[in-house]
């Protein structure tokens, strides 16, 4: 994996992942993973490096990012 792929994935998730209702998380994770792959290709990031940056599972990485986004939204609402 390259540092570039990891930086790309971190930035991409920060820019594209937003909280969704729990029932939509699976479908949204797949959609986000597909979009991320497309953007990575356009950015010259190999899909192998992207997969490694996602610890082998891009959909799972998106699910984790969605969970984090939901948690941030809940914390902001509680303020």
N, C-alpha and C. Protein backbone atom coordinates (compact mmCIF):
# COMPACT_ATOMS: atom_id res chain seq x y z
N UNK A 1 0.86 -1.18 0.00
CA UNK A 1 0.00 0.00 0.00
C UNK A 1 0.89 1.23 0.00
N UNK A 2 0.43 2.24 -0.65
CA UNK A 2 1.16 3.49 -0.67
C UNK A 2 0.52 4.48 0.31
N UNK A 3 1.35 5.39 0.79
CA UNK A 3 0.81 6.45 1.64
C UNK A 3 -0.20 7.28 0.86
N UNK A 4 0.03 7.40 -0.43
CA UNK A 4 -0.88 8.17 -1.27
C UNK A 4 -2.28 7.56 -1.26
N UNK A 5 -2.36 6.24 -1.33
CA UNK A 5 -3.66 5.56 -1.32
C UNK A 5 -4.36 5.77 0.01
N UNK A 6 -3.62 5.67 1.10
CA UNK A 6 -4.20 5.86 2.43
C UNK A 6 -4.68 7.30 2.60
N UNK A 7 -3.88 8.25 2.16
CA UNK A 7 -4.29 9.65 2.24
C UNK A 7 -5.53 9.91 1.37
N UNK A 8 -5.54 9.30 0.18
CA UNK A 8 -6.69 9.44 -0.70
C UNK A 8 -7.95 8.92 -0.02
N UNK A 9 -7.87 7.72 0.54
CA UNK A 9 -9.03 7.12 1.18
C UNK A 9 -9.51 7.96 2.36
N UNK A 10 -8.60 8.39 3.20
CA UNK A 10 -8.98 9.22 4.35
C UNK A 10 -9.67 10.50 3.90
N UNK A 11 -9.08 11.17 2.92
CA UNK A 11 -9.66 12.41 2.42
C UNK A 11 -11.01 12.15 1.76
N UNK A 12 -11.07 11.09 0.95
CA UNK A 12 -12.30 10.78 0.23
C UNK A 12 -13.45 10.52 1.21
N UNK A 13 -13.19 9.72 2.23
CA UNK A 13 -14.24 9.44 3.22
C UNK A 13 -14.68 10.71 3.93
N UNK A 14 -13.73 11.57 4.28
CA UNK A 14 -14.07 12.82 4.96
C UNK A 14 -14.95 13.72 4.09
N UNK A 15 -14.72 13.68 2.80
CA UNK A 15 -15.47 14.54 1.88
C UNK A 15 -16.81 13.97 1.44
N UNK A 16 -16.98 12.65 1.45
CA UNK A 16 -18.15 12.04 0.84
C UNK A 16 -19.09 11.28 1.78
N UNK A 17 -18.61 10.94 2.94
CA UNK A 17 -19.42 10.10 3.84
C UNK A 17 -20.20 10.98 4.80
N UNK A 18 -21.52 10.78 4.80
CA UNK A 18 -22.41 11.50 5.71
C UNK A 18 -23.31 10.49 6.40
N UNK A 19 -23.80 10.84 7.55
CA UNK A 19 -24.69 9.95 8.31
C UNK A 19 -25.94 9.64 7.50
N UNK A 20 -26.35 8.39 7.57
CA UNK A 20 -27.59 7.93 6.93
C UNK A 20 -28.37 7.11 7.94
N UNK A 21 -29.67 6.93 7.72
CA UNK A 21 -30.44 6.08 8.63
C UNK A 21 -29.85 4.66 8.68
N UNK A 22 -29.95 4.01 9.83
CA UNK A 22 -29.37 2.66 9.98
C UNK A 22 -29.81 1.68 8.89
N UNK A 23 -31.05 1.74 8.46
CA UNK A 23 -31.54 0.79 7.47
C UNK A 23 -30.87 0.98 6.10
N UNK A 24 -30.25 2.13 5.87
CA UNK A 24 -29.64 2.44 4.58
C UNK A 24 -28.12 2.23 4.56
N UNK A 25 -27.54 1.89 5.70
CA UNK A 25 -26.07 1.85 5.78
C UNK A 25 -25.43 0.83 4.85
N UNK A 26 -25.99 -0.36 4.74
CA UNK A 26 -25.40 -1.37 3.87
C UNK A 26 -25.38 -0.94 2.41
N UNK A 27 -26.52 -0.49 1.94
CA UNK A 27 -26.63 -0.04 0.55
C UNK A 27 -25.74 1.16 0.29
N UNK A 28 -25.70 2.10 1.24
CA UNK A 28 -24.88 3.30 1.10
C UNK A 28 -23.40 2.94 1.10
N UNK A 29 -22.99 1.99 1.92
CA UNK A 29 -21.59 1.57 1.96
C UNK A 29 -21.15 1.01 0.60
N UNK A 30 -22.00 0.23 -0.02
CA UNK A 30 -21.69 -0.32 -1.35
C UNK A 30 -21.61 0.80 -2.38
N UNK A 31 -22.55 1.72 -2.33
CA UNK A 31 -22.55 2.85 -3.28
C UNK A 31 -21.29 3.69 -3.10
N UNK A 32 -20.94 3.98 -1.85
CA UNK A 32 -19.74 4.77 -1.57
C UNK A 32 -18.48 4.05 -2.03
N UNK A 33 -18.40 2.76 -1.79
CA UNK A 33 -17.22 1.99 -2.21
C UNK A 33 -17.07 2.04 -3.72
N UNK A 34 -18.16 1.90 -4.45
CA UNK A 34 -18.11 1.98 -5.92
C UNK A 34 -17.64 3.36 -6.37
N UNK A 35 -18.19 4.39 -5.76
CA UNK A 35 -17.81 5.76 -6.14
C UNK A 35 -16.35 6.03 -5.80
N UNK A 36 -15.90 5.53 -4.66
CA UNK A 36 -14.51 5.71 -4.24
C UNK A 36 -13.57 5.02 -5.23
N UNK A 37 -13.92 3.81 -5.64
CA UNK A 37 -13.10 3.08 -6.63
C UNK A 37 -12.98 3.89 -7.92
N UNK A 38 -14.09 4.42 -8.39
CA UNK A 38 -14.08 5.21 -9.63
C UNK A 38 -13.20 6.44 -9.49
N UNK A 39 -13.32 7.14 -8.36
CA UNK A 39 -12.51 8.33 -8.14
C UNK A 39 -11.03 7.98 -7.98
N UNK A 40 -10.75 6.85 -7.37
CA UNK A 40 -9.35 6.41 -7.21
C UNK A 40 -8.72 6.14 -8.57
N UNK A 41 -9.46 5.48 -9.44
CA UNK A 41 -8.94 5.21 -10.78
C UNK A 41 -8.63 6.52 -11.49
N UNK A 42 -9.56 7.48 -11.41
CA UNK A 42 -9.34 8.79 -12.04
C UNK A 42 -8.13 9.51 -11.44
N UNK A 43 -7.87 9.26 -10.15
CA UNK A 43 -6.75 9.92 -9.47
C UNK A 43 -5.43 9.17 -9.65
N UNK A 44 -5.49 8.04 -10.36
CA UNK A 44 -4.26 7.28 -10.58
C UNK A 44 -3.86 6.39 -9.42
N UNK A 45 -4.80 6.09 -8.53
CA UNK A 45 -4.56 5.19 -7.41
C UNK A 45 -4.93 3.78 -7.87
N UNK A 46 -4.04 2.83 -7.69
CA UNK A 46 -4.37 1.47 -8.11
C UNK A 46 -5.43 0.89 -7.16
N UNK A 47 -6.27 0.04 -7.72
CA UNK A 47 -7.31 -0.58 -6.89
C UNK A 47 -6.70 -1.51 -5.86
N UNK A 48 -5.56 -2.10 -6.16
CA UNK A 48 -4.86 -2.94 -5.18
C UNK A 48 -4.43 -2.09 -3.99
N UNK A 49 -3.84 -0.93 -4.27
CA UNK A 49 -3.42 -0.04 -3.18
C UNK A 49 -4.61 0.49 -2.40
N UNK A 50 -5.69 0.80 -3.09
CA UNK A 50 -6.89 1.28 -2.41
C UNK A 50 -7.44 0.20 -1.48
N UNK A 51 -7.49 -1.02 -1.96
CA UNK A 51 -7.99 -2.14 -1.16
C UNK A 51 -7.10 -2.34 0.07
N UNK A 52 -5.80 -2.24 -0.11
CA UNK A 52 -4.88 -2.37 1.03
C UNK A 52 -5.08 -1.23 2.03
N UNK A 53 -5.30 -0.02 1.53
CA UNK A 53 -5.54 1.12 2.42
C UNK A 53 -6.80 0.90 3.24
N UNK A 54 -7.75 0.17 2.65
CA UNK A 54 -9.01 -0.14 3.34
C UNK A 54 -8.91 -1.43 4.16
N UNK A 55 -7.70 -1.88 4.40
CA UNK A 55 -7.45 -3.10 5.18
C UNK A 55 -8.15 -4.31 4.56
N UNK A 56 -8.20 -4.32 3.22
CA UNK A 56 -8.71 -5.47 2.51
C UNK A 56 -10.19 -5.46 2.19
N UNK A 57 -10.95 -4.49 2.72
CA UNK A 57 -12.39 -4.51 2.49
C UNK A 57 -12.91 -3.08 2.43
N UNK A 58 -13.08 -2.58 1.23
CA UNK A 58 -13.51 -1.19 1.05
C UNK A 58 -14.93 -0.96 1.54
N UNK A 59 -15.80 -1.92 1.35
CA UNK A 59 -17.19 -1.77 1.83
C UNK A 59 -17.19 -1.67 3.35
N UNK A 60 -16.42 -2.51 4.02
CA UNK A 60 -16.33 -2.46 5.48
C UNK A 60 -15.77 -1.11 5.94
N UNK A 61 -14.78 -0.62 5.22
CA UNK A 61 -14.22 0.70 5.54
C UNK A 61 -15.30 1.78 5.45
N UNK A 62 -16.15 1.69 4.43
CA UNK A 62 -17.23 2.66 4.28
C UNK A 62 -18.27 2.50 5.38
N UNK A 63 -18.55 1.26 5.77
CA UNK A 63 -19.48 1.04 6.90
C UNK A 63 -18.94 1.68 8.17
N UNK A 64 -17.65 1.52 8.41
CA UNK A 64 -17.03 2.13 9.60
C UNK A 64 -17.08 3.65 9.52
N UNK A 65 -16.85 4.19 8.34
CA UNK A 65 -16.93 5.64 8.16
C UNK A 65 -18.36 6.14 8.37
N UNK A 66 -19.33 5.37 7.91
CA UNK A 66 -20.74 5.73 8.14
C UNK A 66 -21.09 5.70 9.62
N UNK A 67 -20.59 4.70 10.33
CA UNK A 67 -20.82 4.63 11.78
C UNK A 67 -20.22 5.84 12.47
N UNK A 68 -19.00 6.20 12.08
CA UNK A 68 -18.35 7.38 12.68
C UNK A 68 -19.13 8.64 12.38
N UNK A 69 -19.65 8.76 11.16
CA UNK A 69 -20.44 9.93 10.80
C UNK A 69 -21.73 10.00 11.62
N UNK A 70 -22.36 8.85 11.85
CA UNK A 70 -23.58 8.81 12.67
C UNK A 70 -23.27 9.21 14.10
N UNK A 71 -22.15 8.72 14.61
CA UNK A 71 -21.76 9.05 15.99
C UNK A 71 -21.50 10.55 16.12
N UNK A 72 -20.79 11.14 15.14
CA UNK A 72 -20.53 12.60 15.18
C UNK A 72 -21.84 13.38 15.14
N UNK A 73 -22.77 12.92 14.29
CA UNK A 73 -24.06 13.62 14.18
C UNK A 73 -24.82 13.53 15.51
N UNK A 74 -24.82 12.37 16.14
CA UNK A 74 -25.50 12.20 17.43
C UNK A 74 -24.86 13.09 18.50
N UNK A 75 -23.52 13.15 18.49
CA UNK A 75 -22.82 13.99 19.48
C UNK A 75 -23.12 15.46 19.27
N UNK A 76 -23.20 15.88 18.02
CA UNK A 76 -23.53 17.28 17.74
C UNK A 76 -24.96 17.61 18.15
N UNK A 77 -25.86 16.68 17.94
CA UNK A 77 -27.27 16.88 18.32
C UNK A 77 -27.43 16.95 19.82
N UNK A 78 -26.55 16.29 20.56
CA UNK A 78 -26.65 16.27 22.02
C UNK A 78 -26.11 17.55 22.65
N UNK A 79 -25.43 18.36 21.88
CA UNK A 79 -24.85 19.61 22.44
C UNK A 79 -25.90 20.66 22.66
